[in-house]
N, C-alpha and C. Protein backbone atom coordinates (compact mmCIF):
# COMPACT_ATOMS: atom_id res chain seq x y z
N UNK A 1 0.99 -0.67 -0.35
CA UNK A 1 0.17 0.61 -0.10
C UNK A 1 0.72 1.54 -0.10
N UNK A 2 0.02 2.60 -0.91
CA UNK A 2 1.07 3.63 -1.06
C UNK A 2 1.10 4.95 -0.28
N UNK A 3 1.71 4.64 1.14
CA UNK A 3 1.42 6.20 1.51
C UNK A 3 1.07 7.47 0.99
N UNK A 4 -0.36 8.14 1.74
CA UNK A 4 -0.66 9.19 0.99
C UNK A 4 0.40 10.53 1.54
N UNK A 5 0.63 10.92 0.65
CA UNK A 5 1.10 12.43 1.00
C UNK A 5 0.96 12.78 1.19
N UNK A 6 1.98 13.75 2.68
CA UNK A 6 1.72 14.87 3.20
C UNK A 6 0.37 15.79 2.86
N UNK A 7 -0.53 16.36 4.07
CA UNK A 7 -1.04 17.31 3.17
C UNK A 7 0.46 18.94 4.02
N UNK A 8 -0.40 20.05 3.64
CA UNK A 8 0.38 20.83 3.63
C UNK A 8 0.58 20.96 4.77
N UNK A 9 -0.35 21.30 5.62
CA UNK A 9 -0.19 21.43 7.80
C UNK A 9 0.55 20.22 7.94
N UNK A 10 0.19 19.30 7.54
CA UNK A 10 1.26 17.98 8.11
C UNK A 10 2.86 18.14 7.80
N UNK A 11 3.11 18.54 6.60
CA UNK A 11 4.28 18.95 5.94
C UNK A 11 5.46 20.05 6.56
N UNK A 12 4.13 20.96 7.19
CA UNK A 12 4.82 21.77 8.26
C UNK A 12 5.17 21.20 9.41
N UNK A 13 3.59 20.68 10.41
CA UNK A 13 4.48 20.05 11.19
C UNK A 13 5.61 19.09 11.37
N UNK A 14 5.73 18.69 10.04
CA UNK A 14 6.74 17.61 10.18
C UNK A 14 7.91 17.90 9.96
N UNK A 15 8.45 19.52 9.33
CA UNK A 15 9.62 20.07 9.46
C UNK A 15 9.47 20.94 10.73
N UNK A 16 8.99 20.99 11.31
CA UNK A 16 9.28 21.92 12.54
C UNK A 16 10.14 20.95 13.14
N UNK A 17 8.90 19.62 13.70
CA UNK A 17 9.67 18.52 14.35
C UNK A 17 11.24 17.75 14.14
N UNK A 18 11.32 17.68 12.95
CA UNK A 18 12.36 17.34 12.39
C UNK A 18 13.40 18.59 13.19
N UNK A 19 12.91 19.65 12.42
CA UNK A 19 14.44 20.79 12.86
C UNK A 19 14.41 20.74 14.93
N UNK A 20 13.62 20.96 14.94
CA UNK A 20 13.40 20.39 16.82
C UNK A 20 14.67 19.78 17.23
N UNK A 21 14.13 18.55 16.44
CA UNK A 21 14.73 16.95 16.76
C UNK A 21 16.48 17.08 17.07
N UNK A 22 16.98 17.27 15.62
CA UNK A 22 17.92 17.50 15.18
C UNK A 22 18.55 18.99 16.01
N UNK A 23 17.79 19.47 17.12
CA UNK A 23 17.93 20.75 17.48
C UNK A 23 18.62 20.11 19.16
N UNK A 24 17.45 19.57 19.44
CA UNK A 24 17.67 19.09 21.01
C UNK A 24 18.89 17.70 20.86
N UNK A 25 19.38 17.33 19.82
CA UNK A 25 19.98 15.94 19.72
C UNK A 25 21.22 17.19 19.75
N UNK A 26 21.18 18.24 19.20
CA UNK A 26 22.97 18.85 19.51
C UNK A 26 23.05 19.46 20.41
N UNK A 27 21.90 20.32 21.04
CA UNK A 27 22.17 21.02 22.18
C UNK A 27 21.46 20.57 23.64
N UNK A 28 20.80 19.75 23.37
CA UNK A 28 19.32 19.47 24.83
C UNK A 28 18.33 20.35 24.64
N UNK A 29 17.24 20.43 25.41
CA UNK A 29 15.91 20.81 25.15
C UNK A 29 16.15 22.44 25.99
N UNK A 30 16.76 22.66 26.72
CA UNK A 30 17.39 24.26 27.56
C UNK A 30 17.99 24.95 26.48
N UNK A 31 18.97 24.14 26.09
CA UNK A 31 19.63 24.61 25.21
C UNK A 31 19.19 25.46 23.73
N UNK A 32 17.97 24.90 23.65
CA UNK A 32 17.41 24.86 22.33
C UNK A 32 16.35 26.24 22.13
N UNK A 33 16.50 27.17 21.41
CA UNK A 33 15.01 28.05 21.77
C UNK A 33 14.49 28.47 20.85
N UNK A 34 12.69 28.79 21.02
CA UNK A 34 11.64 28.77 19.87
C UNK A 34 12.72 29.21 18.50
N UNK A 35 13.52 30.26 18.69
CA UNK A 35 13.75 31.14 17.31
C UNK A 35 14.71 30.10 16.48
N UNK A 36 15.73 29.31 17.10
CA UNK A 36 16.70 28.23 16.45
C UNK A 36 15.73 27.50 16.17
N UNK A 37 14.66 27.28 17.04
CA UNK A 37 13.56 25.82 15.74
C UNK A 37 13.02 26.66 14.49
N UNK A 38 12.38 27.69 14.78
CA UNK A 38 12.03 28.37 13.24
C UNK A 38 12.75 29.09 12.72
N UNK A 39 14.38 28.95 12.79
CA UNK A 39 14.85 29.59 11.85
C UNK A 39 15.53 27.76 10.88
N UNK A 40 15.79 26.94 11.96
CA UNK A 40 16.03 25.63 11.52
C UNK A 40 15.03 25.01 10.07
N UNK A 41 13.77 25.25 10.77
CA UNK A 41 12.33 24.94 10.09
C UNK A 41 12.06 25.25 8.84
N UNK A 42 12.28 26.79 8.90
CA UNK A 42 12.14 27.66 7.78
C UNK A 42 10.78 28.07 7.81
N UNK A 43 10.39 28.69 8.54
CA UNK A 43 9.51 29.11 8.37
C UNK A 43 9.37 30.15 9.75
N UNK A 44 7.56 30.72 9.34
CA UNK A 44 7.68 32.36 11.00
C UNK A 44 7.13 31.82 12.65
N UNK A 45 7.32 32.38 12.63
CA UNK A 45 6.92 32.26 14.67
C UNK A 45 5.79 31.82 14.35
N UNK A 46 4.73 32.72 14.21
CA UNK A 46 3.53 32.57 13.57
C UNK A 46 2.99 30.92 13.94
N UNK A 47 3.80 30.48 12.30
CA UNK A 47 4.01 29.01 12.25
C UNK A 47 3.89 27.89 12.86
N UNK A 48 4.96 28.41 13.46
CA UNK A 48 5.17 26.95 14.76
C UNK A 48 4.29 27.25 15.91
N UNK A 49 4.06 28.63 15.36
CA UNK A 49 2.70 28.40 16.81
C UNK A 49 1.04 28.13 16.34
N UNK A 50 1.02 27.99 15.17
CA UNK A 50 -0.22 27.19 14.12
C UNK A 50 -0.42 26.09 14.58
N UNK A 51 0.96 25.18 15.00
CA UNK A 51 1.12 23.66 15.81
C UNK A 51 1.16 23.76 16.54
N UNK A 52 2.51 24.19 17.83
CA UNK A 52 2.52 23.64 18.91
C UNK A 52 2.42 25.42 19.93
N UNK A 53 1.43 25.06 20.79
CA UNK A 53 1.28 26.27 22.13
C UNK A 53 2.99 26.38 22.75
N UNK A 54 3.62 25.42 23.01
CA UNK A 54 5.07 25.67 23.16
C UNK A 54 6.31 25.13 23.05
N UNK A 55 7.66 25.65 23.48
CA UNK A 55 8.42 24.49 22.87
C UNK A 55 8.62 23.96 24.04
N UNK A 56 8.15 23.12 24.84
CA UNK A 56 7.67 21.62 25.61
C UNK A 56 6.49 20.94 24.62
N UNK A 57 5.34 21.19 24.15
CA UNK A 57 4.46 20.36 23.09
C UNK A 57 5.90 20.19 22.02
N UNK A 58 6.30 20.90 21.06
CA UNK A 58 7.41 19.98 21.03
C UNK A 58 7.77 19.09 21.19
N UNK A 59 8.73 19.47 22.45
CA UNK A 59 9.17 18.82 22.97
C UNK A 59 8.63 17.22 22.83
N UNK A 60 7.17 17.40 23.69
CA UNK A 60 6.41 15.79 24.00
C UNK A 60 5.98 15.01 22.44
N UNK A 61 5.89 15.73 21.46
CA UNK A 61 5.74 15.45 20.36
C UNK A 61 6.74 14.65 19.76
N UNK A 62 7.60 15.59 19.91
CA UNK A 62 8.97 14.58 19.67
C UNK A 62 9.83 13.38 20.06
N UNK A 63 9.22 12.83 21.30
CA UNK A 63 9.43 12.44 22.45
C UNK A 63 8.92 11.29 22.12
N UNK A 64 6.98 11.47 21.89
CA UNK A 64 6.15 10.10 21.60
C UNK A 64 6.36 9.31 20.00
N UNK A 65 7.22 10.68 19.21
CA UNK A 65 6.85 10.15 17.88
C UNK A 65 8.50 10.01 17.00
N UNK A 66 9.24 9.95 18.36
CA UNK A 66 10.79 9.61 17.90
C UNK A 66 11.64 8.42 18.53
N UNK A 67 10.21 8.40 19.80
CA UNK A 67 10.33 6.76 20.89
C UNK A 67 10.65 5.63 19.85
N UNK A 68 11.11 4.60 20.35
CA UNK A 68 11.47 3.33 19.43
C UNK A 68 10.41 1.88 19.43
N UNK A 69 9.49 3.21 20.33
CA UNK A 69 8.00 2.06 20.73
C UNK A 69 7.22 1.07 19.98
N UNK A 70 7.35 2.20 18.88
CA UNK A 70 6.58 2.39 17.24
C UNK A 70 7.04 0.85 16.86
N UNK A 71 8.68 0.69 16.72
CA UNK A 71 9.34 -0.38 16.16
C UNK A 71 9.22 -0.75 17.14
N UNK A 72 9.70 -0.70 17.94
CA UNK A 72 9.93 -2.51 18.96
C UNK A 72 8.29 -3.46 19.33
N UNK A 73 7.59 -2.68 19.32
CA UNK A 73 6.33 -3.60 19.67
C UNK A 73 5.36 -4.16 18.66
N UNK A 74 5.75 -3.76 17.54
CA UNK A 74 5.91 -5.14 16.15
C UNK A 74 6.67 -6.40 15.80
N UNK A 75 8.00 -5.62 16.47
CA UNK A 75 9.32 -6.54 16.70
C UNK A 75 8.93 -7.84 17.17
N UNK A 76 8.51 -7.42 18.81
CA UNK A 76 7.91 -8.01 19.36
C UNK A 76 6.99 -9.55 19.31
N UNK A 77 5.66 -8.73 18.43
CA UNK A 77 4.91 -9.48 17.85
C UNK A 77 5.00 -10.63 16.94
N UNK A 78 6.45 -10.44 16.29
CA UNK A 78 6.91 -11.57 15.50
C UNK A 78 7.36 -12.31 16.01
N UNK A 79 8.26 -12.43 17.43
CA UNK A 79 8.75 -13.11 18.35
C UNK A 79 8.42 -14.51 17.88
N UNK A 80 9.11 -16.05 18.06
CA UNK A 80 8.22 -16.86 17.52
C UNK A 80 9.56 -18.37 18.80
N UNK A 81 8.48 -19.00 19.16
CA UNK A 81 9.53 -19.99 19.95
C UNK A 81 8.37 -20.51 20.49
N UNK A 82 8.41 -21.73 20.61
CA UNK A 82 7.96 -23.13 20.93
C UNK A 82 7.47 -23.16 22.58
N UNK A 83 8.29 -22.71 23.11
CA UNK A 83 8.33 -23.15 24.27
C UNK A 83 8.07 -21.42 25.20
N UNK A 84 7.90 -20.97 25.60
CA UNK A 84 7.85 -19.80 27.03
C UNK A 84 9.68 -19.36 26.84
N UNK A 85 10.37 -20.28 26.77
CA UNK A 85 11.91 -20.03 27.31
C UNK A 85 12.23 -19.61 25.58
N UNK A 86 11.72 -20.26 24.44
CA UNK A 86 12.52 -19.71 23.51
C UNK A 86 11.53 -18.65 23.05
N UNK A 87 10.46 -18.23 23.55
CA UNK A 87 9.92 -17.20 23.45
C UNK A 87 10.24 -15.86 23.64
N UNK A 88 11.01 -16.10 24.89
CA UNK A 88 11.46 -15.31 25.34
C UNK A 88 13.07 -14.39 25.06
N UNK A 89 13.69 -15.38 24.47
CA UNK A 89 14.87 -15.59 24.05
C UNK A 89 14.68 -14.85 23.15
N UNK A 90 14.30 -15.52 21.83
CA UNK A 90 13.31 -14.81 20.58
C UNK A 90 13.49 -12.94 20.84
N UNK A 91 12.28 -13.30 21.74
CA UNK A 91 11.95 -11.42 21.52
C UNK A 91 12.52 -10.74 22.28
N UNK A 92 13.61 -11.62 23.17
CA UNK A 92 14.69 -10.39 23.75
C UNK A 92 15.64 -9.84 22.75
N UNK A 93 16.06 -11.17 22.03
CA UNK A 93 17.00 -11.00 20.85
C UNK A 93 16.70 -9.73 20.19
N UNK A 94 15.23 -9.51 19.31
CA UNK A 94 14.62 -8.32 18.65
C UNK A 94 14.64 -7.30 18.96
N UNK A 95 14.23 -7.53 20.43
CA UNK A 95 14.12 -5.97 20.95
C UNK A 95 15.57 -5.54 21.20
N UNK A 96 16.25 -6.36 21.77
CA UNK A 96 17.30 -5.31 21.67
C UNK A 96 18.52 -5.08 20.21
N UNK A 97 17.78 -6.15 19.25
CA UNK A 97 18.64 -5.65 18.15
C UNK A 97 18.06 -4.53 17.86
N UNK A 98 16.23 -4.62 17.87
CA UNK A 98 15.77 -2.82 17.37
C UNK A 98 16.08 -1.71 18.27
N UNK A 99 16.80 -1.87 19.78
CA UNK A 99 16.75 -0.55 20.72
C UNK A 99 18.40 -0.54 19.76
N UNK A 100 19.12 -1.30 19.08
CA UNK A 100 20.73 -0.87 19.02
C UNK A 100 20.72 -0.44 17.32
N UNK A 101 20.02 -0.60 16.73
CA UNK A 101 19.04 0.89 15.56
C UNK A 101 18.91 1.73 16.02
N UNK A 102 18.77 2.25 17.23
CA UNK A 102 17.81 3.66 17.43
C UNK A 102 18.96 4.55 17.76
N UNK A 103 19.57 4.96 17.17
CA UNK A 103 20.89 5.71 17.80
C UNK A 103 21.13 7.09 18.94
N UNK A 104 20.20 7.64 18.46
CA UNK A 104 19.67 8.70 19.38
C UNK A 104 18.73 8.57 20.29
N UNK A 105 18.51 7.22 20.71
CA UNK A 105 17.11 6.98 22.13
C UNK A 105 18.09 7.43 23.48
N UNK A 106 19.51 6.80 23.86
CA UNK A 106 19.84 7.01 24.67
C UNK A 106 19.94 8.59 24.82
N UNK A 107 20.11 9.73 23.77
CA UNK A 107 19.69 11.25 23.99
C UNK A 107 18.50 11.83 24.16
N UNK A 108 17.26 11.34 23.63
CA UNK A 108 16.55 11.48 23.65
C UNK A 108 15.92 10.78 25.33
N UNK A 109 15.87 9.93 25.96
CA UNK A 109 15.95 9.02 27.59
C UNK A 109 16.95 9.92 28.15
N UNK A 110 18.11 10.61 27.62
CA UNK A 110 18.50 11.20 28.96
C UNK A 110 18.00 12.84 28.69
N UNK A 111 17.54 13.59 27.83
CA UNK A 111 16.55 14.71 27.91
C UNK A 111 16.05 15.02 29.00
N UNK A 112 14.78 13.39 28.40
CA UNK A 112 13.31 13.49 29.06
C UNK A 112 13.68 13.14 30.59
N UNK A 113 14.59 12.61 30.91
CA UNK A 113 15.04 12.12 32.83
C UNK A 113 15.90 13.30 32.46
N UNK A 114 16.88 13.60 32.12
CA UNK A 114 17.53 14.42 33.43
C UNK A 114 16.77 16.18 33.18
N UNK A 115 16.14 16.65 32.44
CA UNK A 115 15.63 17.48 31.47
C UNK A 115 14.25 17.87 31.87
N UNK A 116 13.61 16.72 32.10
CA UNK A 116 12.01 16.75 32.53
C UNK A 116 12.08 16.21 33.80
N UNK A 117 12.61 15.30 34.16
CA UNK A 117 12.55 14.56 35.31
C UNK A 117 11.60 13.48 35.38
N UNK A 118 11.58 12.87 33.60
CA UNK A 118 10.76 12.07 33.23
C UNK A 118 8.98 12.11 33.51
N UNK A 119 8.73 13.09 33.24
CA UNK A 119 7.47 14.05 33.68
C UNK A 119 6.43 13.46 32.57
N UNK A 120 7.19 12.97 31.31
CA UNK A 120 6.25 13.11 29.73
C UNK A 120 6.02 11.14 30.11
N UNK A 121 6.97 10.44 30.68
CA UNK A 121 7.16 8.94 31.18
C UNK A 121 5.70 8.83 30.83
N UNK A 122 4.79 8.66 31.91
CA UNK A 122 3.25 8.42 32.12
C UNK A 122 2.69 8.46 30.63
N UNK A 123 2.79 9.05 30.51
CA UNK A 123 1.78 9.23 29.07
C UNK A 123 2.44 8.85 27.93
N UNK A 124 3.60 8.80 27.89
CA UNK A 124 4.17 7.35 26.91
C UNK A 124 3.37 6.27 27.30
N UNK A 125 3.50 5.87 28.76
CA UNK A 125 3.50 4.84 28.50
C UNK A 125 1.26 4.34 28.46
N UNK A 126 0.86 5.38 28.55
CA UNK A 126 -0.77 5.36 28.48
C UNK A 126 -0.72 5.09 26.84
N UNK A 127 0.39 5.50 26.28
CA UNK A 127 0.06 5.11 24.50
C UNK A 127 0.66 3.94 24.40
N UNK A 128 1.51 3.26 25.11
CA UNK A 128 1.94 1.58 24.69
C UNK A 128 1.19 0.59 25.52
N UNK A 129 0.47 0.96 26.74
CA UNK A 129 -0.09 0.41 27.03
C UNK A 129 -1.58 -0.30 26.39
N UNK A 130 -2.17 0.34 25.70
CA UNK A 130 -3.01 -0.51 24.77
C UNK A 130 -2.67 -1.93 24.03
N UNK A 131 -1.70 -1.63 23.29
CA UNK A 131 -1.30 -2.46 23.00
C UNK A 131 -0.17 -3.92 23.66
N UNK A 132 0.16 -3.88 25.08
CA UNK A 132 0.91 -4.79 26.05
C UNK A 132 -0.53 -6.25 25.46
N UNK A 133 -1.81 -5.85 26.14
CA UNK A 133 -2.36 -7.08 25.42
C UNK A 133 -2.25 -8.09 24.55
N UNK A 134 -1.80 -7.64 23.51
CA UNK A 134 -1.04 -8.67 22.36
C UNK A 134 -0.32 -8.80 22.61
N UNK A 135 0.58 -8.39 23.72
CA UNK A 135 2.13 -9.26 23.58
C UNK A 135 1.84 -10.58 25.21
N UNK A 136 0.66 -9.67 26.06
CA UNK A 136 0.56 -11.00 26.44
C UNK A 136 -0.47 -12.22 26.63
N UNK A 137 -1.02 -11.62 25.10
CA UNK A 137 -2.04 -13.46 24.79
C UNK A 137 -0.95 -14.16 23.89
N UNK A 138 0.15 -13.81 23.64
CA UNK A 138 1.19 -14.51 23.20
C UNK A 138 1.60 -15.05 23.97
N UNK A 139 2.13 -15.11 25.58
CA UNK A 139 2.64 -15.19 26.76
C UNK A 139 1.71 -16.49 27.32
N UNK A 140 0.51 -15.81 27.56
CA UNK A 140 -0.53 -16.66 27.80
C UNK A 140 -1.06 -18.13 27.62
N UNK A 141 -0.39 -17.78 25.63
CA UNK A 141 -0.49 -19.33 25.43
C UNK A 141 0.61 -20.32 25.34
N UNK A 142 1.38 -19.62 26.16
CA UNK A 142 2.84 -20.41 26.04
C UNK A 142 3.02 -20.17 27.58
N UNK A 143 1.82 -20.61 28.42
CA UNK A 143 1.98 -19.92 30.06
C UNK A 143 2.41 -21.59 31.18
N UNK A 144 2.17 -22.60 29.88
CA UNK A 144 2.36 -23.67 31.15
C UNK A 144 3.63 -23.80 32.05
N UNK A 145 5.02 -22.86 31.46
CA UNK A 145 5.90 -23.21 32.87
C UNK A 145 6.18 -22.07 33.37
N UNK A 146 5.41 -21.20 33.43
CA UNK A 146 5.57 -19.75 33.60
C UNK A 146 4.36 -19.86 35.42
N UNK A 147 5.25 -18.74 35.98
CA UNK A 147 4.69 -18.60 37.51
C UNK A 147 4.04 -18.07 36.93
N UNK A 148 2.96 -18.51 37.88
CA UNK A 148 1.71 -17.38 38.44
C UNK A 148 1.96 -15.38 38.60
N UNK A 149 2.67 -15.10 37.65
CA UNK A 149 2.45 -14.21 37.53
C UNK A 149 2.05 -12.59 36.72
N UNK A 150 1.38 -11.46 37.51
CA UNK A 150 0.15 -10.83 36.47
C UNK A 150 1.00 -10.43 35.36
N UNK A 151 0.44 -10.08 34.12
CA UNK A 151 0.80 -10.71 32.49
C UNK A 151 1.39 -8.08 32.74
N UNK A 152 0.60 -7.93 33.52
CA UNK A 152 1.58 -6.54 33.40
C UNK A 152 2.86 -6.08 34.26
N UNK A 153 2.75 -7.37 34.91
CA UNK A 153 4.30 -6.97 35.70
C UNK A 153 5.17 -7.84 34.89
N UNK A 154 4.90 -8.87 34.10
CA UNK A 154 5.97 -9.72 33.24
C UNK A 154 5.94 -9.16 32.34
N UNK A 155 5.36 -8.05 32.05
CA UNK A 155 5.93 -7.38 30.63
C UNK A 155 6.85 -6.59 31.22
N UNK A 156 6.59 -5.34 32.44
CA UNK A 156 7.11 -5.05 32.85
C UNK A 156 8.64 -5.57 33.31
N UNK A 157 8.72 -6.11 33.67
CA UNK A 157 10.33 -6.96 34.04
C UNK A 157 10.66 -7.28 32.68
N UNK A 158 10.41 -8.01 31.77
CA UNK A 158 10.60 -8.11 30.28
C UNK A 158 11.05 -6.75 30.07
N UNK A 159 10.48 -5.63 29.52
CA UNK A 159 11.03 -4.75 28.59
C UNK A 159 12.09 -4.02 29.53
N UNK A 160 11.83 -3.57 30.71
CA UNK A 160 12.92 -3.23 31.84
C UNK A 160 14.51 -3.91 32.16
N UNK A 161 14.54 -5.54 32.09
CA UNK A 161 15.51 -6.11 32.23
C UNK A 161 16.38 -6.26 31.11
N UNK A 162 15.87 -5.50 30.40
CA UNK A 162 16.24 -6.18 28.54
C UNK A 162 16.95 -4.48 28.31
N UNK A 163 16.20 -3.57 28.25
CA UNK A 163 16.22 -2.45 28.43
C UNK A 163 17.81 -1.87 28.83
N UNK A 164 18.09 -2.44 30.39
CA UNK A 164 19.03 -2.36 30.87
C UNK A 164 20.13 -2.83 29.98
N UNK A 165 19.44 -4.04 29.72
CA UNK A 165 20.83 -4.43 29.19
C UNK A 165 21.66 -3.44 27.96
N UNK A 166 20.51 -3.40 27.53
CA UNK A 166 21.22 -2.38 26.11
C UNK A 166 21.69 -1.11 26.14
N UNK A 167 21.56 -0.27 27.87
CA UNK A 167 21.84 1.07 28.39
C UNK A 167 23.26 0.67 28.60
N UNK A 168 23.14 -1.13 29.75
CA UNK A 168 24.74 -0.77 30.01
C UNK A 168 25.41 -1.03 29.02
N UNK A 169 25.14 -2.23 27.79
CA UNK A 169 26.22 -2.44 26.86
C UNK A 169 26.32 -1.44 25.79
N UNK A 170 26.07 -0.30 25.70
CA UNK A 170 25.96 0.92 25.08
C UNK A 170 26.65 1.59 26.01
N UNK A 171 27.05 1.44 27.29
CA UNK A 171 27.68 2.61 28.06
C UNK A 171 29.47 1.80 29.01
N UNK A 172 29.19 0.48 28.72
CA UNK A 172 30.31 -0.56 29.49
C UNK A 172 31.81 -0.21 28.25
N UNK A 173 33.08 0.15 28.59
CA UNK A 173 33.49 0.17 27.46
C UNK A 173 33.91 -1.62 27.19
N UNK A 174 35.12 -1.53 26.94
CA UNK A 174 35.09 -2.30 25.63
C UNK A 174 35.91 -3.51 26.41
N UNK A 175 36.66 -2.97 27.20
CA UNK A 175 37.48 -3.90 28.23
C UNK A 175 36.93 -4.66 29.33
N UNK A 176 36.15 -4.03 29.76
CA UNK A 176 35.26 -4.60 30.29
C UNK A 176 34.18 -5.33 29.81
N UNK A 177 33.74 -4.68 29.03
CA UNK A 177 32.79 -6.11 27.87
C UNK A 177 33.60 -7.32 27.55
N UNK A 178 34.47 -7.35 27.68
CA UNK A 178 35.30 -8.27 26.94
C UNK A 178 35.14 -9.77 27.82
N UNK A 179 35.29 -9.18 29.32
CA UNK A 179 35.38 -10.06 30.35
C UNK A 179 34.33 -10.83 31.06
N UNK A 180 33.30 -10.51 30.29
CA UNK A 180 32.20 -11.09 30.33
C UNK A 180 31.97 -12.52 29.61
N UNK A 181 32.68 -11.85 28.23
CA UNK A 181 32.57 -13.28 27.45
C UNK A 181 31.69 -13.24 25.86
N UNK A 182 32.14 -14.08 25.43
CA UNK A 182 31.32 -13.83 24.17
C UNK A 182 29.76 -14.16 24.08
N UNK A 183 29.07 -15.05 25.66
CA UNK A 183 27.94 -15.22 25.27
C UNK A 183 27.05 -14.66 26.21
N UNK A 184 27.64 -13.02 26.81
CA UNK A 184 27.13 -12.56 27.53
C UNK A 184 25.63 -12.30 27.51
N UNK A 185 25.09 -11.92 26.48
CA UNK A 185 23.88 -11.96 26.40
C UNK A 185 23.05 -13.02 26.21
N UNK A 186 23.32 -14.46 26.01
CA UNK A 186 23.06 -15.28 26.45
C UNK A 186 22.56 -15.65 27.85
N UNK A 187 23.79 -15.73 28.31
CA UNK A 187 24.18 -15.60 29.96
C UNK A 187 22.74 -14.63 30.52
N UNK A 188 22.40 -13.94 29.63
CA UNK A 188 22.02 -12.39 30.59
C UNK A 188 20.58 -13.08 30.24
N UNK A 189 20.02 -13.79 29.49
CA UNK A 189 18.99 -14.42 28.84
C UNK A 189 18.31 -15.13 30.37
N UNK A 190 19.47 -16.22 30.30
CA UNK A 190 19.16 -17.62 31.01
C UNK A 190 18.86 -16.77 32.70
N UNK A 191 20.02 -15.27 33.15
CA UNK A 191 19.62 -15.19 34.52
C UNK A 191 17.99 -14.29 34.29
N UNK A 192 17.52 -13.94 33.27
CA UNK A 192 15.97 -13.84 33.26
C UNK A 192 15.24 -14.83 33.87
N UNK A 193 15.50 -15.77 32.85
CA UNK A 193 14.51 -16.92 33.15
C UNK A 193 14.74 -17.31 34.32
N UNK A 194 15.56 -17.93 35.07
CA UNK A 194 16.73 -18.79 35.95
C UNK A 194 16.63 -18.00 36.77
N UNK A 195 16.81 -17.04 36.73
CA UNK A 195 17.73 -16.30 38.47
C UNK A 195 18.80 -16.41 38.81
N UNK A 196 19.84 -16.33 39.70
CA UNK A 196 21.15 -16.55 39.83
C UNK A 196 21.50 -17.45 40.87
N UNK A 197 20.44 -17.77 42.00
CA UNK A 197 20.86 -18.91 42.73
C UNK A 197 20.48 -20.36 41.75
N UNK A 198 21.39 -21.02 42.47
CA UNK A 198 22.21 -22.20 41.52
C UNK A 198 20.74 -23.20 42.03
N UNK A 199 19.98 -24.55 41.75
CA UNK A 199 19.69 -25.65 42.10
C UNK A 199 20.48 -26.04 43.52
N UNK A 200 19.29 -26.32 44.43
CA UNK A 200 20.07 -26.77 46.00
C UNK A 200 20.28 -28.00 45.20
N UNK A 201 21.97 -27.94 46.12
CA UNK A 201 23.28 -28.66 45.28
C UNK A 201 23.66 -28.83 44.60
N UNK A 202 23.42 -28.08 43.59
CA UNK A 202 24.20 -28.37 42.16
C UNK A 202 25.08 -27.24 42.16
N UNK A 203 26.62 -27.84 42.06
CA UNK A 203 27.65 -27.09 42.53
C UNK A 203 28.38 -27.19 42.96
N UNK A 204 27.84 -28.17 44.26
CA UNK A 204 28.41 -28.35 45.71
C UNK A 204 29.27 -28.95 45.99
N UNK A 205 30.52 -29.05 46.32
CA UNK A 205 31.80 -30.25 46.77
C UNK A 205 32.31 -29.66 48.39
N UNK A 206 31.96 -31.09 48.49
CA UNK A 206 32.74 -31.45 50.14
C UNK A 206 33.67 -31.02 50.32
């Protein structure tokens, strides 16, 4: 299906968001002025205010539109696996792989957390939440081996755990990553699935 061309108003809004996004990534939110956004977008100040009431409204639009959940949720819905463990492994690999494609994600999250104290994250969750039952339905079909954990909590633990893998992998010096071996991702998945405690009696020596 061919995408319909954007109407003039949509084109103007897209120019504003493209300009603002580039400036926010270069200078941060507070380091960027409305005047700079106007100049980068090549429109008038009035043209910007026809679409956005304030600079914060522009940031919210950038944050919601450029956040990778748009790409992540479809990727997770495509995950496969005959068992719950296989599904988690495949979904985790797809999630981290998609996050690695999002070059500006850490910067977007840094601005939101540091400059806004995470004020817009609850609204982001409200946008994501309606799509979570689809993922929950997939897990429910493979739930034979799962503990009785509320599905929203299960989704939260999965996304939070593997998002932390992506962040630490991105920020960790290569010399430290090398100490963890080539199978660090698989080990991370195993820890998520089975915890860090050995089974009683496993590996014990007299």
